[in-house]
Amino acid sequence: MAWMDRFRRGSGTKMRRPARDGFRTGSTRVRASDSVDQEHLHTWVAERRGVEGFVEPRTAVSDVTLLLVAHDGEWTRRRVPSVAWAHDFCNRHQVPSYDAAVVGIPQRMRDYNRRRKQQGL
């Protein structure tokens, strides 16, 4: 069978639609943000200094997220309701916010992750 035969109408095997039940097929859904996520962000900002916010756009596997990075590189990431909500959150807490798709993530976060890995944490 030639590879072009797959595209011809009326050929042997046909593709089926994806199943509707995620339990049977193993497909996942993107979890929306909730009040626990928002409370964590509020607490995290209040307990650290030199925090900057990086708003990450929606992807195929996660919703819009807000990445908060402290002065020493410590970080947290949580889902947020929208991009506008993330920027408003940062403005209310006097935290500079950036679009992560444009500026990327800060080097101090990568350095922090490397230090933790070297320490075996």
N, C-alpha and C. Protein backbone atom coordinates (compact mmCIF):
# COMPACT_ATOMS: atom_id res chain seq x y z
N MET A 1 0.85 -1.17 0.00
CA MET A 1 0.00 0.00 0.00
C MET A 1 0.90 1.24 0.00
N ALA A 2 0.66 2.15 -0.91
CA ALA A 2 1.42 3.39 -1.00
C ALA A 2 0.95 4.36 0.07
N TRP A 3 1.80 5.28 0.42
CA TRP A 3 1.44 6.21 1.50
C TRP A 3 0.32 7.15 1.09
N MET A 4 0.16 7.42 -0.18
CA MET A 4 -0.93 8.28 -0.64
C MET A 4 -2.29 7.59 -0.54
N ASP A 5 -2.29 6.27 -0.47
CA ASP A 5 -3.55 5.54 -0.34
C ASP A 5 -4.29 5.92 0.94
N ARG A 6 -3.57 6.36 1.93
CA ARG A 6 -4.20 6.72 3.20
C ARG A 6 -5.11 7.93 3.08
N PHE A 7 -4.85 8.76 2.07
CA PHE A 7 -5.61 10.00 1.93
C PHE A 7 -6.78 9.87 0.97
N ARG A 8 -6.90 8.76 0.30
CA ARG A 8 -7.97 8.56 -0.66
C ARG A 8 -9.27 8.24 0.07
N ARG A 9 -10.34 8.72 -0.49
CA ARG A 9 -11.65 8.42 0.08
C ARG A 9 -11.99 6.96 -0.14
N GLY A 10 -12.64 6.39 0.83
CA GLY A 10 -13.10 5.03 0.69
C GLY A 10 -12.03 3.98 0.92
N SER A 11 -10.84 4.40 1.36
CA SER A 11 -9.80 3.41 1.62
C SER A 11 -10.15 2.65 2.89
N GLY A 12 -9.51 1.52 3.11
CA GLY A 12 -9.81 0.59 4.19
C GLY A 12 -10.02 1.19 5.56
N THR A 13 -8.98 1.66 6.24
CA THR A 13 -9.12 2.11 7.62
C THR A 13 -9.52 3.57 7.68
N LYS A 14 -10.34 3.88 8.66
CA LYS A 14 -10.79 5.26 8.84
C LYS A 14 -10.45 5.72 10.24
N MET A 15 -10.21 6.99 10.32
CA MET A 15 -9.90 7.59 11.61
C MET A 15 -11.20 7.84 12.36
N ARG A 16 -11.16 7.62 13.65
CA ARG A 16 -12.33 7.90 14.49
C ARG A 16 -12.09 9.18 15.26
N ARG A 17 -13.18 9.78 15.70
CA ARG A 17 -13.08 10.96 16.55
C ARG A 17 -12.50 10.56 17.90
N PRO A 18 -11.91 11.52 18.59
CA PRO A 18 -11.44 11.21 19.95
C PRO A 18 -12.61 10.83 20.85
N ALA A 19 -12.37 9.96 21.77
CA ALA A 19 -13.41 9.55 22.70
C ALA A 19 -13.83 10.72 23.57
N ARG A 20 -15.05 10.71 24.02
CA ARG A 20 -15.56 11.82 24.82
C ARG A 20 -15.21 11.71 26.29
N ASP A 21 -14.87 10.54 26.76
CA ASP A 21 -14.58 10.39 28.18
C ASP A 21 -13.06 10.32 28.40
N GLY A 22 -12.56 11.27 29.13
CA GLY A 22 -11.13 11.36 29.38
C GLY A 22 -10.60 10.22 30.23
N PHE A 23 -11.45 9.62 31.05
CA PHE A 23 -10.99 8.53 31.92
C PHE A 23 -10.56 7.31 31.09
N ARG A 24 -11.32 7.03 30.06
CA ARG A 24 -11.03 5.86 29.25
C ARG A 24 -9.83 6.10 28.33
N THR A 25 -9.72 7.31 27.79
CA THR A 25 -8.67 7.59 26.82
C THR A 25 -7.38 8.09 27.45
N GLY A 26 -7.46 8.55 28.68
CA GLY A 26 -6.27 9.07 29.34
C GLY A 26 -5.99 10.52 29.02
N SER A 27 -6.90 11.20 28.33
CA SER A 27 -6.68 12.60 28.03
C SER A 27 -6.87 13.44 29.30
N THR A 28 -6.24 14.56 29.32
CA THR A 28 -6.30 15.43 30.50
C THR A 28 -6.95 16.74 30.14
N ARG A 29 -7.38 17.43 31.16
CA ARG A 29 -7.92 18.77 30.99
C ARG A 29 -7.05 19.74 31.77
N VAL A 30 -7.03 20.97 31.31
CA VAL A 30 -6.27 22.01 31.98
C VAL A 30 -7.04 22.43 33.22
N ARG A 31 -6.38 22.38 34.38
CA ARG A 31 -7.02 22.78 35.63
C ARG A 31 -7.04 24.30 35.71
N ALA A 32 -8.16 24.86 36.04
CA ALA A 32 -8.27 26.31 36.18
C ALA A 32 -7.70 26.75 37.53
N SER A 33 -7.38 28.03 37.61
CA SER A 33 -6.87 28.54 38.88
C SER A 33 -8.01 28.56 39.90
N ASP A 34 -7.64 28.53 41.17
CA ASP A 34 -8.65 28.58 42.22
C ASP A 34 -8.15 29.49 43.33
N SER A 35 -8.94 29.61 44.39
CA SER A 35 -8.59 30.53 45.48
C SER A 35 -7.34 30.08 46.22
N VAL A 36 -7.03 28.78 46.22
CA VAL A 36 -5.81 28.29 46.88
C VAL A 36 -4.58 28.83 46.15
N ASP A 37 -4.62 28.82 44.82
CA ASP A 37 -3.51 29.37 44.03
C ASP A 37 -3.33 30.85 44.32
N GLN A 38 -4.42 31.58 44.34
CA GLN A 38 -4.35 33.02 44.55
C GLN A 38 -3.85 33.35 45.96
N GLU A 39 -4.30 32.59 46.95
CA GLU A 39 -3.84 32.81 48.33
C GLU A 39 -2.35 32.53 48.45
N HIS A 40 -1.87 31.49 47.77
CA HIS A 40 -0.45 31.18 47.79
C HIS A 40 0.36 32.34 47.23
N LEU A 41 -0.10 32.93 46.13
CA LEU A 41 0.62 34.06 45.53
C LEU A 41 0.65 35.26 46.48
N HIS A 42 -0.49 35.54 47.13
CA HIS A 42 -0.54 36.66 48.09
C HIS A 42 0.46 36.44 49.23
N THR A 43 0.46 35.25 49.79
CA THR A 43 1.36 34.93 50.90
C THR A 43 2.81 34.99 50.46
N TRP A 44 3.10 34.45 49.31
CA TRP A 44 4.48 34.39 48.81
C TRP A 44 5.05 35.79 48.59
N VAL A 45 4.27 36.68 48.01
CA VAL A 45 4.72 38.05 47.77
C VAL A 45 4.95 38.78 49.10
N ALA A 46 4.08 38.55 50.07
CA ALA A 46 4.20 39.24 51.35
C ALA A 46 5.43 38.81 52.14
N GLU A 47 5.89 37.57 51.96
CA GLU A 47 6.98 37.03 52.76
C GLU A 47 8.36 37.22 52.14
N ARG A 48 8.46 37.75 50.93
CA ARG A 48 9.75 37.89 50.26
C ARG A 48 9.96 39.30 49.76
N ARG A 49 11.23 39.62 49.51
CA ARG A 49 11.54 40.97 49.01
C ARG A 49 12.14 40.87 47.61
N GLY A 50 12.07 41.98 46.89
CA GLY A 50 12.63 42.04 45.56
C GLY A 50 11.94 41.11 44.57
N VAL A 51 10.63 40.97 44.67
CA VAL A 51 9.89 40.04 43.83
C VAL A 51 9.54 40.69 42.50
N GLU A 52 9.67 39.91 41.43
CA GLU A 52 9.24 40.32 40.10
C GLU A 52 8.27 39.26 39.57
N GLY A 53 7.30 39.69 38.76
CA GLY A 53 6.32 38.77 38.20
C GLY A 53 6.53 38.58 36.72
N PHE A 54 6.42 37.35 36.27
CA PHE A 54 6.54 37.01 34.86
C PHE A 54 5.27 36.26 34.45
N VAL A 55 4.49 36.89 33.58
CA VAL A 55 3.21 36.33 33.15
C VAL A 55 3.48 35.41 31.96
N GLU A 56 3.12 34.14 32.13
CA GLU A 56 3.35 33.14 31.08
C GLU A 56 2.04 32.84 30.37
N PRO A 57 2.03 32.84 29.05
CA PRO A 57 0.78 32.65 28.31
C PRO A 57 0.27 31.22 28.40
N ARG A 58 -0.97 31.05 28.02
CA ARG A 58 -1.59 29.72 27.98
C ARG A 58 -0.87 28.85 26.97
N THR A 59 -0.68 27.59 27.32
CA THR A 59 -0.08 26.61 26.41
C THR A 59 -1.03 25.43 26.26
N ALA A 60 -0.59 24.42 25.54
CA ALA A 60 -1.43 23.24 25.34
C ALA A 60 -1.64 22.46 26.64
N VAL A 61 -0.72 22.58 27.59
CA VAL A 61 -0.80 21.79 28.81
C VAL A 61 -1.09 22.60 30.06
N SER A 62 -1.04 23.91 29.99
CA SER A 62 -1.34 24.70 31.19
C SER A 62 -2.02 26.00 30.80
N ASP A 63 -2.76 26.51 31.76
CA ASP A 63 -3.44 27.78 31.56
C ASP A 63 -2.44 28.91 31.79
N VAL A 64 -2.91 30.15 31.80
CA VAL A 64 -2.05 31.30 32.07
C VAL A 64 -1.46 31.13 33.46
N THR A 65 -0.16 31.34 33.60
CA THR A 65 0.50 31.22 34.90
C THR A 65 1.25 32.50 35.23
N LEU A 66 1.44 32.70 36.52
CA LEU A 66 2.24 33.81 37.02
C LEU A 66 3.44 33.22 37.74
N LEU A 67 4.62 33.55 37.25
CA LEU A 67 5.87 33.12 37.85
C LEU A 67 6.40 34.28 38.67
N LEU A 68 6.56 34.07 39.97
CA LEU A 68 7.12 35.09 40.85
C LEU A 68 8.54 34.69 41.22
N VAL A 69 9.47 35.62 41.07
CA VAL A 69 10.87 35.36 41.36
C VAL A 69 11.36 36.39 42.36
N ALA A 70 11.92 35.93 43.48
CA ALA A 70 12.45 36.82 44.53
C ALA A 70 13.86 37.29 44.16
N HIS A 71 14.42 38.16 45.00
CA HIS A 71 15.74 38.74 44.73
C HIS A 71 16.85 37.70 44.67
N ASP A 72 16.70 36.60 45.41
CA ASP A 72 17.74 35.57 45.46
C ASP A 72 17.52 34.45 44.45
N GLY A 73 16.44 34.54 43.66
CA GLY A 73 16.17 33.52 42.66
C GLY A 73 15.12 32.52 43.06
N GLU A 74 14.72 32.53 44.33
CA GLU A 74 13.65 31.64 44.76
C GLU A 74 12.40 31.98 43.96
N TRP A 75 11.63 30.97 43.59
CA TRP A 75 10.50 31.23 42.71
C TRP A 75 9.31 30.33 43.03
N THR A 76 8.17 30.76 42.52
CA THR A 76 6.94 29.98 42.58
C THR A 76 6.14 30.27 41.33
N ARG A 77 5.34 29.30 40.90
CA ARG A 77 4.51 29.45 39.70
C ARG A 77 3.13 28.89 40.02
N ARG A 78 2.11 29.68 39.70
CA ARG A 78 0.74 29.24 39.92
C ARG A 78 -0.14 29.69 38.76
N ARG A 79 -1.22 28.95 38.55
CA ARG A 79 -2.20 29.32 37.54
C ARG A 79 -2.95 30.56 38.01
N VAL A 80 -3.34 31.39 37.05
CA VAL A 80 -4.11 32.59 37.34
C VAL A 80 -5.29 32.66 36.38
N PRO A 81 -6.34 33.41 36.72
CA PRO A 81 -7.52 33.46 35.86
C PRO A 81 -7.27 34.04 34.47
N SER A 82 -6.40 35.06 34.37
CA SER A 82 -6.15 35.68 33.07
C SER A 82 -4.85 36.48 33.11
N VAL A 83 -4.42 36.91 31.94
CA VAL A 83 -3.23 37.75 31.85
C VAL A 83 -3.48 39.08 32.56
N ALA A 84 -4.65 39.66 32.33
CA ALA A 84 -4.98 40.93 32.98
C ALA A 84 -4.98 40.80 34.50
N TRP A 85 -5.53 39.69 35.02
CA TRP A 85 -5.54 39.46 36.46
C TRP A 85 -4.12 39.42 37.00
N ALA A 86 -3.22 38.76 36.29
CA ALA A 86 -1.84 38.64 36.75
C ALA A 86 -1.16 40.00 36.83
N HIS A 87 -1.34 40.83 35.80
CA HIS A 87 -0.73 42.16 35.82
C HIS A 87 -1.37 43.03 36.91
N ASP A 88 -2.68 42.93 37.11
CA ASP A 88 -3.35 43.68 38.18
C ASP A 88 -2.85 43.23 39.55
N PHE A 89 -2.67 41.93 39.73
CA PHE A 89 -2.14 41.39 40.99
C PHE A 89 -0.77 42.01 41.28
N CYS A 90 0.09 42.02 40.27
CA CYS A 90 1.43 42.59 40.46
C CYS A 90 1.36 44.08 40.76
N ASN A 91 0.48 44.80 40.08
CA ASN A 91 0.34 46.24 40.34
C ASN A 91 -0.15 46.51 41.75
N ARG A 92 -1.12 45.71 42.23
CA ARG A 92 -1.64 45.89 43.59
C ARG A 92 -0.57 45.65 44.65
N HIS A 93 0.36 44.74 44.37
CA HIS A 93 1.42 44.41 45.33
C HIS A 93 2.73 45.14 45.04
N GLN A 94 2.68 46.11 44.14
CA GLN A 94 3.86 46.90 43.76
C GLN A 94 5.02 46.01 43.32
N VAL A 95 4.68 45.03 42.49
CA VAL A 95 5.65 44.09 41.94
C VAL A 95 5.72 44.36 40.44
N PRO A 96 6.91 44.60 39.90
CA PRO A 96 7.00 44.78 38.44
C PRO A 96 6.60 43.49 37.72
N SER A 97 5.85 43.63 36.64
CA SER A 97 5.42 42.44 35.90
C SER A 97 5.88 42.54 34.45
N TYR A 98 6.23 41.39 33.91
CA TYR A 98 6.74 41.31 32.54
C TYR A 98 6.03 40.18 31.81
N ASP A 99 6.04 40.25 30.50
CA ASP A 99 5.51 39.17 29.68
C ASP A 99 6.66 38.18 29.45
N ALA A 100 6.54 36.99 30.01
CA ALA A 100 7.62 36.00 29.95
C ALA A 100 7.91 35.55 28.52
N ALA A 101 6.91 35.60 27.65
CA ALA A 101 7.13 35.21 26.26
C ALA A 101 8.04 36.20 25.54
N VAL A 102 8.13 37.43 26.05
CA VAL A 102 8.96 38.46 25.44
C VAL A 102 10.33 38.53 26.10
N VAL A 103 10.37 38.58 27.43
CA VAL A 103 11.64 38.80 28.13
C VAL A 103 12.30 37.53 28.63
N GLY A 104 11.57 36.41 28.65
CA GLY A 104 12.13 35.17 29.17
C GLY A 104 12.11 35.14 30.69
N ILE A 105 12.85 34.19 31.27
CA ILE A 105 12.93 34.10 32.73
C ILE A 105 14.29 34.61 33.18
N PRO A 106 14.39 35.15 34.39
CA PRO A 106 15.65 35.76 34.82
C PRO A 106 16.75 34.73 35.11
N GLN A 107 17.98 35.14 34.90
CA GLN A 107 19.13 34.28 35.12
C GLN A 107 19.24 33.87 36.59
N ARG A 108 18.84 34.75 37.51
CA ARG A 108 18.97 34.42 38.94
C ARG A 108 18.10 33.23 39.31
N MET A 109 17.00 32.99 38.60
CA MET A 109 16.17 31.81 38.85
C MET A 109 16.91 30.55 38.42
N ARG A 110 17.56 30.60 37.26
CA ARG A 110 18.34 29.44 36.80
C ARG A 110 19.51 29.16 37.75
N ASP A 111 20.15 30.22 38.22
CA ASP A 111 21.26 30.07 39.18
C ASP A 111 20.77 29.44 40.48
N TYR A 112 19.60 29.87 40.95
CA TYR A 112 19.00 29.32 42.16
C TYR A 112 18.73 27.82 42.00
N ASN A 113 18.15 27.45 40.85
CA ASN A 113 17.87 26.03 40.59
C ASN A 113 19.16 25.22 40.55
N ARG A 114 20.21 25.76 39.95
CA ARG A 114 21.49 25.06 39.87
C ARG A 114 22.10 24.88 41.27
N ARG A 115 22.04 25.94 42.10
CA ARG A 115 22.56 25.83 43.47
C ARG A 115 21.82 24.76 44.25
N ARG A 116 20.50 24.73 44.14
CA ARG A 116 19.70 23.72 44.85
C ARG A 116 20.04 22.31 44.39
N LYS A 117 20.25 22.17 43.10
CA LYS A 117 20.59 20.85 42.56
C LYS A 117 21.96 20.40 43.06
N GLN A 118 22.92 21.31 43.14
CA GLN A 118 24.25 20.98 43.63
C GLN A 118 24.23 20.62 45.10
N GLN A 119 23.32 21.23 45.86
CA GLN A 119 23.19 20.94 47.29
C GLN A 119 22.40 19.65 47.54
N GLY A 120 21.84 19.09 46.49
CA GLY A 120 21.08 17.86 46.62
C GLY A 120 19.66 18.07 47.13
N LEU A 121 19.14 19.27 46.99
CA LEU A 121 17.77 19.57 47.45
C LEU A 121 16.76 19.45 46.36
